[in-house]
C-alpha atoms as a PDB file:
ATOM      1  CA  MET A   1      -6.741   7.152 -48.675  1.00  0.00           C
ATOM      2  CA  GLU A   2      -3.070   7.276 -47.639  1.00  0.00           C
ATOM      3  CA  LYS A   3      -1.731  10.264 -45.756  1.00  0.00           C
ATOM      4  CA  PHE A   4       1.860  11.410 -45.284  1.00  0.00           C
ATOM      5  CA  ARG A   5       3.056  13.695 -42.518  1.00  0.00           C
ATOM      6  CA  ILE A   6       6.168  15.677 -43.381  1.00  0.00           C
ATOM      7  CA  ALA A   7       8.549  17.847 -41.384  1.00  0.00           C
ATOM      8  CA  LEU A   8      10.315  20.687 -43.185  1.00  0.00           C
ATOM      9  CA  LYS A   9      13.194  22.900 -42.125  1.00  0.00           C
ATOM     10  CA  LYS A  10      12.633  26.555 -43.030  1.00  0.00           C
ATOM     11  CA  GLY A  11      16.036  28.188 -43.238  1.00  0.00           C
ATOM     12  CA  GLU A  12      17.250  31.755 -42.907  1.00  0.00           C
ATOM     13  CA  ALA A  13      16.931  32.341 -46.662  1.00  0.00           C
ATOM     14  CA  VAL A  14      13.139  31.912 -46.566  1.00  0.00           C
ATOM     15  CA  LYS A  15      12.270  33.056 -43.052  1.00  0.00           C
ATOM     16  CA  TYR A  16      10.503  36.148 -44.415  1.00  0.00           C
ATOM     17  CA  VAL A  17       8.163  34.027 -46.550  1.00  0.00           C
ATOM     18  CA  GLY A  18       4.700  34.248 -44.984  1.00  0.00           C
ATOM     19  CA  HIS A  19       2.417  31.321 -44.168  1.00  0.00           C
ATOM     20  CA  LEU A  20       0.290  31.616 -47.325  1.00  0.00           C
ATOM     21  CA  ASP A  21       3.304  31.811 -49.627  1.00  0.00           C
ATOM     22  CA  PHE A  22       4.868  28.902 -47.716  1.00  0.00           C
ATOM     23  CA  GLY A  23       1.755  26.865 -48.503  1.00  0.00           C
ATOM     24  CA  ARG A  24       1.911  27.816 -52.183  1.00  0.00           C
ATOM     25  CA  ALA A  25       5.566  26.792 -52.332  1.00  0.00           C
ATOM     26  CA  ILE A  26       4.695  23.366 -50.938  1.00  0.00           C
ATOM     27  CA  GLU A  27       1.896  22.948 -53.481  1.00  0.00           C
ATOM     28  CA  ARG A  28       4.231  23.832 -56.341  1.00  0.00           C
ATOM     29  CA  ALA A  29       6.829  21.368 -55.046  1.00  0.00           C
ATOM     30  CA  PHE A  30       4.265  18.564 -55.040  1.00  0.00           C
ATOM     31  CA  ARG A  31       3.228  19.423 -58.591  1.00  0.00           C
ATOM     32  CA  ARG A  32       6.836  19.429 -59.805  1.00  0.00           C
ATOM     33  CA  ALA A  33       7.455  16.118 -58.011  1.00  0.00           C
ATOM     34  CA  LYS A  34       4.460  14.590 -59.857  1.00  0.00           C
ATOM     35  CA  LEU A  35       3.291  12.851 -56.693  1.00  0.00           C
ATOM     36  CA  PRO A  36      -0.335  11.606 -56.680  1.00  0.00           C
ATOM     37  CA  VAL A  37      -1.719  14.165 -54.246  1.00  0.00           C
ATOM     38  CA  ALA A  38      -5.473  13.956 -53.637  1.00  0.00           C
ATOM     39  CA  TYR A  39      -7.646  16.963 -54.500  1.00  0.00           C
ATOM     40  CA  SER A  40     -10.884  18.219 -53.019  1.00  0.00           C
ATOM     41  CA  VAL A  41     -14.045  18.052 -55.102  1.00  0.00           C
ATOM     42  CA  GLY A  42     -16.138  20.970 -56.275  1.00  0.00           C
ATOM     43  CA  PHE A  43     -15.868  23.996 -58.526  1.00  0.00           C
ATOM     44  CA  ASN A  44     -12.383  24.966 -57.303  1.00  0.00           C
ATOM     45  CA  PRO A  45     -10.502  21.776 -56.336  1.00  0.00           C
ATOM     46  CA  HIS A  46      -7.340  22.161 -54.272  1.00  0.00           C
ATOM     47  CA  MET A  47      -4.694  19.860 -52.821  1.00  0.00           C
ATOM     48  CA  ARG A  48      -5.705  18.093 -49.646  1.00  0.00           C
ATOM     49  CA  LEU A  49      -3.009  19.622 -47.444  1.00  0.00           C
ATOM     50  CA  SER A  50      -3.220  20.646 -43.810  1.00  0.00           C
ATOM     51  CA  PHE A  51      -0.584  22.645 -41.969  1.00  0.00           C
ATOM     52  CA  GLY A  52       0.627  22.994 -38.424  1.00  0.00           C
ATOM     53  CA  PRO A  53       0.505  26.266 -36.470  1.00  0.00           C
ATOM     54  CA  ALA A  54       1.506  29.229 -38.604  1.00  0.00           C
ATOM     55  CA  LEU A  55       5.056  30.479 -38.202  1.00  0.00           C
ATOM     56  CA  GLY A  56       5.613  34.194 -37.732  1.00  0.00           C
ATOM     57  CA  VAL A  57       7.315  36.134 -40.520  1.00  0.00           C
ATOM     58  CA  GLY A  58      11.024  36.562 -39.864  1.00  0.00           C
ATOM     59  CA  ILE A  59      11.366  33.341 -37.847  1.00  0.00           C
ATOM     60  CA  ALA A  60      13.317  30.341 -39.110  1.00  0.00           C
ATOM     61  CA  SER A  61      12.245  26.834 -38.135  1.00  0.00           C
ATOM     62  CA  GLU A  62      13.787  23.424 -37.573  1.00  0.00           C
ATOM     63  CA  ALA A  63      10.525  21.557 -38.264  1.00  0.00           C
ATOM     64  CA  GLU A  64       7.288  22.780 -39.840  1.00  0.00           C
ATOM     65  CA  TYR A  65       4.664  20.073 -40.286  1.00  0.00           C
ATOM     66  CA  VAL A  66       2.322  19.374 -43.179  1.00  0.00           C
ATOM     67  CA  ASP A  67      -0.166  16.549 -43.778  1.00  0.00           C
ATOM     68  CA  VAL A  68      -0.832  15.554 -47.371  1.00  0.00           C
ATOM     69  CA  GLU A  69      -3.397  13.046 -48.589  1.00  0.00           C
ATOM     70  CA  MET A  70      -2.535  10.831 -51.540  1.00  0.00           C
ATOM     71  CA  SER A  71      -4.900   9.483 -54.178  1.00  0.00           C
ATOM     72  CA  GLU A  72      -2.950   6.218 -54.378  1.00  0.00           C
ATOM     73  CA  ALA A  73      -0.304   4.339 -52.453  1.00  0.00           C
ATOM     74  CA  VAL A  74       3.249   5.667 -52.667  1.00  0.00           C
ATOM     75  CA  ASP A  75       6.481   4.137 -51.424  1.00  0.00           C
ATOM     76  CA  ALA A  76       7.808   6.228 -48.508  1.00  0.00           C
ATOM     77  CA  LYS A  77      11.374   6.381 -49.866  1.00  0.00           C
ATOM     78  CA  GLN A  78      10.160   7.394 -53.307  1.00  0.00           C
ATOM     79  CA  PHE A  79       7.902  10.030 -51.758  1.00  0.00           C
ATOM     80  CA  SER A  80      10.783  11.564 -49.781  1.00  0.00           C
ATOM     81  CA  ARG A  81      13.218  11.466 -52.692  1.00  0.00           C
ATOM     82  CA  SER A  82      10.778  12.983 -55.194  1.00  0.00           C
ATOM     83  CA  LEU A  83       9.681  15.788 -52.869  1.00  0.00           C
ATOM     84  CA  SER A  84      13.192  16.627 -51.646  1.00  0.00           C
ATOM     85  CA  GLU A  85      14.420  17.142 -55.198  1.00  0.00           C
ATOM     86  CA  LYS A  86      11.671  19.684 -55.975  1.00  0.00           C
ATOM     87  CA  LEU A  87      11.612  21.803 -52.829  1.00  0.00           C
ATOM     88  CA  PRO A  88      12.752  25.422 -53.341  1.00  0.00           C
ATOM     89  CA  PRO A  89      16.065  26.641 -51.853  1.00  0.00           C
ATOM     90  CA  GLY A  90      15.749  27.235 -48.132  1.00  0.00           C
ATOM     91  CA  LEU A  91      13.246  24.429 -47.519  1.00  0.00           C
ATOM     92  CA  VAL A  92      14.622  21.013 -46.543  1.00  0.00           C
ATOM     93  CA  LEU A  93      12.674  17.813 -45.971  1.00  0.00           C
ATOM     94  CA  VAL A  94      13.594  16.560 -42.487  1.00  0.00           C
ATOM     95  CA  ALA A  95      11.245  13.567 -42.241  1.00  0.00           C
ATOM     96  CA  ALA A  96       8.245  12.001 -43.957  1.00  0.00           C
ATOM     97  CA  GLN A  97       6.179   9.017 -42.963  1.00  0.00           C
ATOM     98  CA  PRO A  98       2.698   7.590 -43.554  1.00  0.00           C
ATOM     99  CA  VAL A  99       0.224   8.273 -40.742  1.00  0.00           C
ATOM    100  CA  SER A 100      -3.290   7.073 -40.006  1.00  0.00           C
ATOM    101  CA  SER A 101      -4.154   9.778 -37.482  1.00  0.00           C
ATOM    102  CA  ASN A 102      -6.949  12.231 -38.244  1.00  0.00           C
ATOM    103  CA  ALA A 103      -5.645  14.684 -35.629  1.00  0.00           C
ATOM    104  CA  SER A 104      -5.477  18.303 -36.739  1.00  0.00           C
ATOM    105  CA  LEU A 105      -1.887  19.534 -36.647  1.00  0.00           C
ATOM    106  CA  ALA A 106      -2.969  23.141 -36.123  1.00  0.00           C
ATOM    107  CA  ALA A 107      -5.203  22.209 -33.186  1.00  0.00           C
ATOM    108  CA  GLU A 108      -3.097  19.521 -31.508  1.00  0.00           C
ATOM    109  CA  LEU A 109       0.370  21.101 -31.695  1.00  0.00           C
ATOM    110  CA  ASN A 110       0.005  23.618 -28.887  1.00  0.00           C
ATOM    111  CA  LEU A 111       3.575  23.911 -27.573  1.00  0.00           C
ATOM    112  CA  ALA A 112       6.404  25.626 -29.429  1.00  0.00           C
ATOM    113  CA  ALA A 113      10.076  25.838 -28.510  1.00  0.00           C
ATOM    114  CA  TYR A 114      11.951  28.942 -29.628  1.00  0.00           C
ATOM    115  CA  GLN A 115      15.530  30.118 -29.667  1.00  0.00           C
ATOM    116  CA  ALA A 116      16.315  33.831 -29.630  1.00  0.00           C
ATOM    117  CA  ARG A 117      19.995  34.503 -30.361  1.00  0.00           C
ATOM    118  CA  THR A 118      21.181  38.058 -29.740  1.00  0.00           C
ATOM    119  CA  THR A 119      24.462  39.108 -31.314  1.00  0.00           C
ATOM    120  CA  GLY A 120      26.682  42.051 -30.502  1.00  0.00           C
ATOM    121  CA  LEU A 121      27.009  41.307 -26.782  1.00  0.00           C
ATOM    122  CA  VAL A 122      30.628  42.003 -25.938  1.00  0.00           C
ATOM    123  CA  GLY A 123      32.308  41.422 -22.608  1.00  0.00           C
ATOM    124  CA  ALA A 124      31.492  39.667 -19.370  1.00  0.00           C
ATOM    125  CA  GLU A 125      29.325  42.527 -18.084  1.00  0.00           C
ATOM    126  CA  GLN A 126      26.800  42.252 -20.915  1.00  0.00           C
ATOM    127  CA  VAL A 127      26.666  38.469 -20.623  1.00  0.00           C
ATOM    128  CA  ALA A 128      26.099  38.779 -16.875  1.00  0.00           C
ATOM    129  CA  ALA A 129      23.337  41.347 -17.500  1.00  0.00           C
ATOM    130  CA  ALA A 130      21.654  38.993 -19.974  1.00  0.00           C
ATOM    131  CA  GLU A 131      21.793  36.074 -17.549  1.00  0.00           C
ATOM    132  CA  ALA A 132      20.458  38.235 -14.705  1.00  0.00           C
ATOM    133  CA  ALA A 133      17.570  39.508 -16.845  1.00  0.00           C
ATOM    134  CA  VAL A 134      16.490  35.980 -17.746  1.00  0.00           C
ATOM    135  CA  LYS A 135      16.730  34.913 -14.113  1.00  0.00           C
ATOM    136  CA  ARG A 136      14.588  37.854 -12.935  1.00  0.00           C
ATOM    137  CA  LEU A 137      11.906  37.115 -15.525  1.00  0.00           C
ATOM    138  CA  GLN A 138      11.947  33.448 -14.544  1.00  0.00           C
ATOM    139  CA  GLN A 139      11.498  34.301 -10.863  1.00  0.00           C
ATOM    140  CA  SER A 140       8.690  36.810 -11.447  1.00  0.00           C
ATOM    141  CA  GLU A 141       5.204  35.596 -10.601  1.00  0.00           C
ATOM    142  CA  SER A 142       3.749  37.626 -13.474  1.00  0.00           C
ATOM    143  CA  VAL A 143       5.113  39.621 -16.395  1.00  0.00           C
ATOM    144  CA  THR A 144       2.613  42.135 -17.747  1.00  0.00           C
ATOM    145  CA  TYR A 145       2.974  42.923 -21.416  1.00  0.00           C
ATOM    146  CA  LEU A 146       0.962  45.471 -23.393  1.00  0.00           C
ATOM    147  CA  ARG A 147       0.287  44.403 -26.966  1.00  0.00           C
ATOM    148  CA  ARG A 148      -0.555  47.385 -29.154  1.00  0.00           C
ATOM    149  CA  SER A 149      -2.420  46.883 -32.420  1.00  0.00           C
ATOM    150  CA  PRO A 150      -4.881  48.805 -34.631  1.00  0.00           C
ATOM    151  CA  LYS A 151      -7.638  47.177 -32.573  1.00  0.00           C
ATOM    152  CA  GLY A 152      -6.335  48.707 -29.370  1.00  0.00           C
ATOM    153  CA  ILE A 153      -4.207  47.641 -26.400  1.00  0.00           C
ATOM    154  CA  LYS A 154      -4.374  44.160 -24.929  1.00  0.00           C
ATOM    155  CA  THR A 155      -2.857  43.388 -21.533  1.00  0.00           C
ATOM    156  CA  MET A 156      -1.209  39.968 -21.313  1.00  0.00           C
ATOM    157  CA  ASP A 157       0.683  38.056 -18.648  1.00  0.00           C
ATOM    158  CA  LEU A 158       3.567  36.335 -20.411  1.00  0.00           C
ATOM    159  CA  LYS A 159       3.943  33.855 -17.562  1.00  0.00           C
ATOM    160  CA  ASN A 160       0.595  32.319 -18.547  1.00  0.00           C
ATOM    161  CA  TYR A 161       2.200  31.207 -21.820  1.00  0.00           C
ATOM    162  CA  LEU A 162       5.769  30.370 -20.826  1.00  0.00           C
ATOM    163  CA  VAL A 163       6.217  26.656 -20.062  1.00  0.00           C
ATOM    164  CA  GLY A 164       9.087  25.370 -17.931  1.00  0.00           C
ATOM    165  CA  GLU A 165      12.455  27.003 -17.386  1.00  0.00           C
ATOM    166  CA  LEU A 166      14.156  29.417 -19.752  1.00  0.00           C
ATOM    167  CA  GLU A 167      17.588  28.174 -20.842  1.00  0.00           C
ATOM    168  CA  THR A 168      20.578  30.306 -21.811  1.00  0.00           C
ATOM    169  CA  GLU A 169      23.806  29.797 -23.712  1.00  0.00           C
ATOM    170  CA  ALA A 170      26.634  32.283 -24.015  1.00  0.00           C
ATOM    171  CA  ALA A 171      28.895  32.145 -27.080  1.00  0.00           C
ATOM    172  CA  ALA A 172      31.407  34.452 -28.725  1.00  0.00           C
ATOM    173  CA  GLU A 173      29.639  37.845 -28.970  1.00  0.00           C
ATOM    174  CA  SER A 174      26.189  36.254 -28.839  1.00  0.00           C
ATOM    175  CA  PHE A 175      23.724  35.043 -26.257  1.00  0.00           C
ATOM    176  CA  ALA A 176      20.904  32.549 -26.833  1.00  0.00           C
ATOM    177  CA  VAL A 177      17.689  32.249 -24.837  1.00  0.00           C
ATOM    178  CA  ARG A 178      15.540  29.142 -25.336  1.00  0.00           C
ATOM    179  CA  PHE A 179      12.002  28.764 -24.064  1.00  0.00           C
ATOM    180  CA  TRP A 180       8.689  26.996 -24.644  1.00  0.00           C
ATOM    181  CA  LEU A 181       5.462  28.870 -25.350  1.00  0.00           C
ATOM    182  CA  ARG A 182       1.949  27.495 -24.993  1.00  0.00           C
ATOM    183  CA  MET A 183      -0.609  28.258 -27.722  1.00  0.00           C
ATOM    184  CA  THR A 184      -4.168  28.448 -26.407  1.00  0.00           C
ATOM    185  CA  PRO A 185      -7.635  28.865 -27.970  1.00  0.00           C
ATOM    186  CA  GLY A 186      -7.646  32.339 -26.444  1.00  0.00           C
ATOM    187  CA  GLY A 187      -4.390  33.356 -28.063  1.00  0.00           C
ATOM    188  CA  ALA A 188      -0.624  33.117 -27.819  1.00  0.00           C
ATOM    189  CA  VAL A 189       2.407  35.342 -27.411  1.00  0.00           C
ATOM    190  CA  LYS A 190       5.225  35.830 -29.872  1.00  0.00           C
ATOM    191  CA  PRO A 191       8.860  35.036 -29.049  1.00  0.00           C
ATOM    192  CA  GLN A 192       9.666  38.656 -29.950  1.00  0.00           C
ATOM    193  CA  GLU A 193       7.327  39.775 -27.162  1.00  0.00           C
ATOM    194  CA  VAL A 194       9.190  37.655 -24.620  1.00  0.00           C
ATOM    195  CA  MET A 195      12.497  39.207 -25.664  1.00  0.00           C
ATOM    196  CA  ARG A 196      10.998  42.703 -25.705  1.00  0.00           C
ATOM    197  CA  ALA A 197       9.865  42.201 -22.126  1.00  0.00           C
ATOM    198  CA  LEU A 198      13.347  41.014 -21.179  1.00  0.00           C
ATOM    199  CA  VAL A 199      14.851  44.187 -22.647  1.00  0.00           C
ATOM    200  CA  GLU A 200      12.278  46.729 -21.444  1.00  0.00           C
ATOM    201  CA  GLN A 201      11.431  45.309 -18.021  1.00  0.00           C
ATOM    202  CA  PHE A 202      14.463  43.301 -16.912  1.00  0.00           C
ATOM    203  CA  GLY A 203      17.487  45.016 -18.444  1.00  0.00           C
ATOM    204  CA  PHE A 204      18.484  42.476 -21.089  1.00  0.00           C
ATOM    205  CA  PRO A 205      21.158  44.113 -23.320  1.00  0.00           C
ATOM    206  CA  VAL A 206      19.916  45.435 -26.661  1.00  0.00           C
ATOM    207  CA  GLY A 207      21.262  43.710 -29.773  1.00  0.00           C
ATOM    208  CA  ASP A 208      20.304  42.132 -33.088  1.00  0.00           C
ATOM    209  CA  THR A 209      18.180  39.059 -32.385  1.00  0.00           C
ATOM    210  CA  ALA A 210      17.468  36.151 -34.735  1.00  0.00           C
ATOM    211  CA  TYR A 211      14.589  33.796 -33.950  1.00  0.00           C
ATOM    212  CA  CYS A 212      14.093  30.119 -34.715  1.00  0.00           C
ATOM    213  CA  ARG A 213      11.250  27.750 -33.842  1.00  0.00           C
ATOM    214  CA  MET A 214      13.096  24.667 -32.669  1.00  0.00           C
ATOM    215  CA  ALA A 215      10.214  22.230 -32.099  1.00  0.00           C
ATOM    216  CA  LEU A 216       6.462  21.768 -31.947  1.00  0.00           C
ATOM    217  CA  ARG A 217       4.700  19.384 -29.589  1.00  0.00           C
ATOM    218  CA  ALA A 218       1.245  18.460 -28.382  1.00  0.00           C
ATOM    219  CA  GLU A 219       0.487  18.854 -24.691  1.00  0.00           C
ATOM    220  CA  THR A 220      -1.967  16.078 -23.729  1.00  0.00           C
ATOM    221  CA  ASN A 221      -3.281  14.427 -20.573  1.00  0.00           C
ATOM    222  CA  ALA A 222      -0.810  11.626 -21.234  1.00  0.00           C
ATOM    223  CA  GLY A 223       2.125  14.033 -21.506  1.00  0.00           C
ATOM    224  CA  GLN A 224       3.863  15.734 -24.394  1.00  0.00           C
ATOM    225  CA  LYS A 225       3.831  14.117 -27.855  1.00  0.00           C
ATOM    226  CA  THR A 226       5.674  14.899 -31.073  1.00  0.00           C
ATOM    227  CA  ALA A 227       3.869  15.564 -34.334  1.00  0.00           C
ATOM    228  CA  PHE A 228       4.512  11.985 -35.452  1.00  0.00           C
ATOM    229  CA  GLU A 229       3.016  10.588 -32.225  1.00  0.00           C
ATOM    230  CA  ILE A 230      -0.374  12.304 -32.242  1.00  0.00           C
END
């Protein structure tokens, strides 16, 4: 049974669409494209789709990954053309290729790169404050964060999830922070929580912040791999 792995860009227009509705939109696109998607057996058959790690509501993405099993062979160019034409506004097919791997996208893709772009920062002083806040967080051995939920308060060390160096970019009246976060079986942190810590603990200037997941990778013993390499 042939399998395709696809990468989709989730733009600003659909960043508030949740993971379940995102999945339904993909299913509808496949139906409209009349591609021979394989279905499960049983009383309530459903498309044989598997998704990468769920994306938080309100976050755009440069590449969300989906595996789809086909009931018959399909030409790769025809597959891409048919699906692209039927995707809803805000979703763009970035890449699609046949794969033979049985790796679970949700389990294997355990590193995520995010960009947090804060607008409304005016003047050299605010830019300097933003850069200093990022530097202080980077140099801290631990960054304690209290996550409050209906289940109670959970104490987390953000440095256990941050991977590598944080990068910054200053532009006209905006400031971008880019960083990698590790997703573990025991949990993960949200990019909003990293920025909240920067504001509350390190003096990062307050502003309107837009988030985007820039990439997903698998961290393995052999090094980092892309979704199309696992």
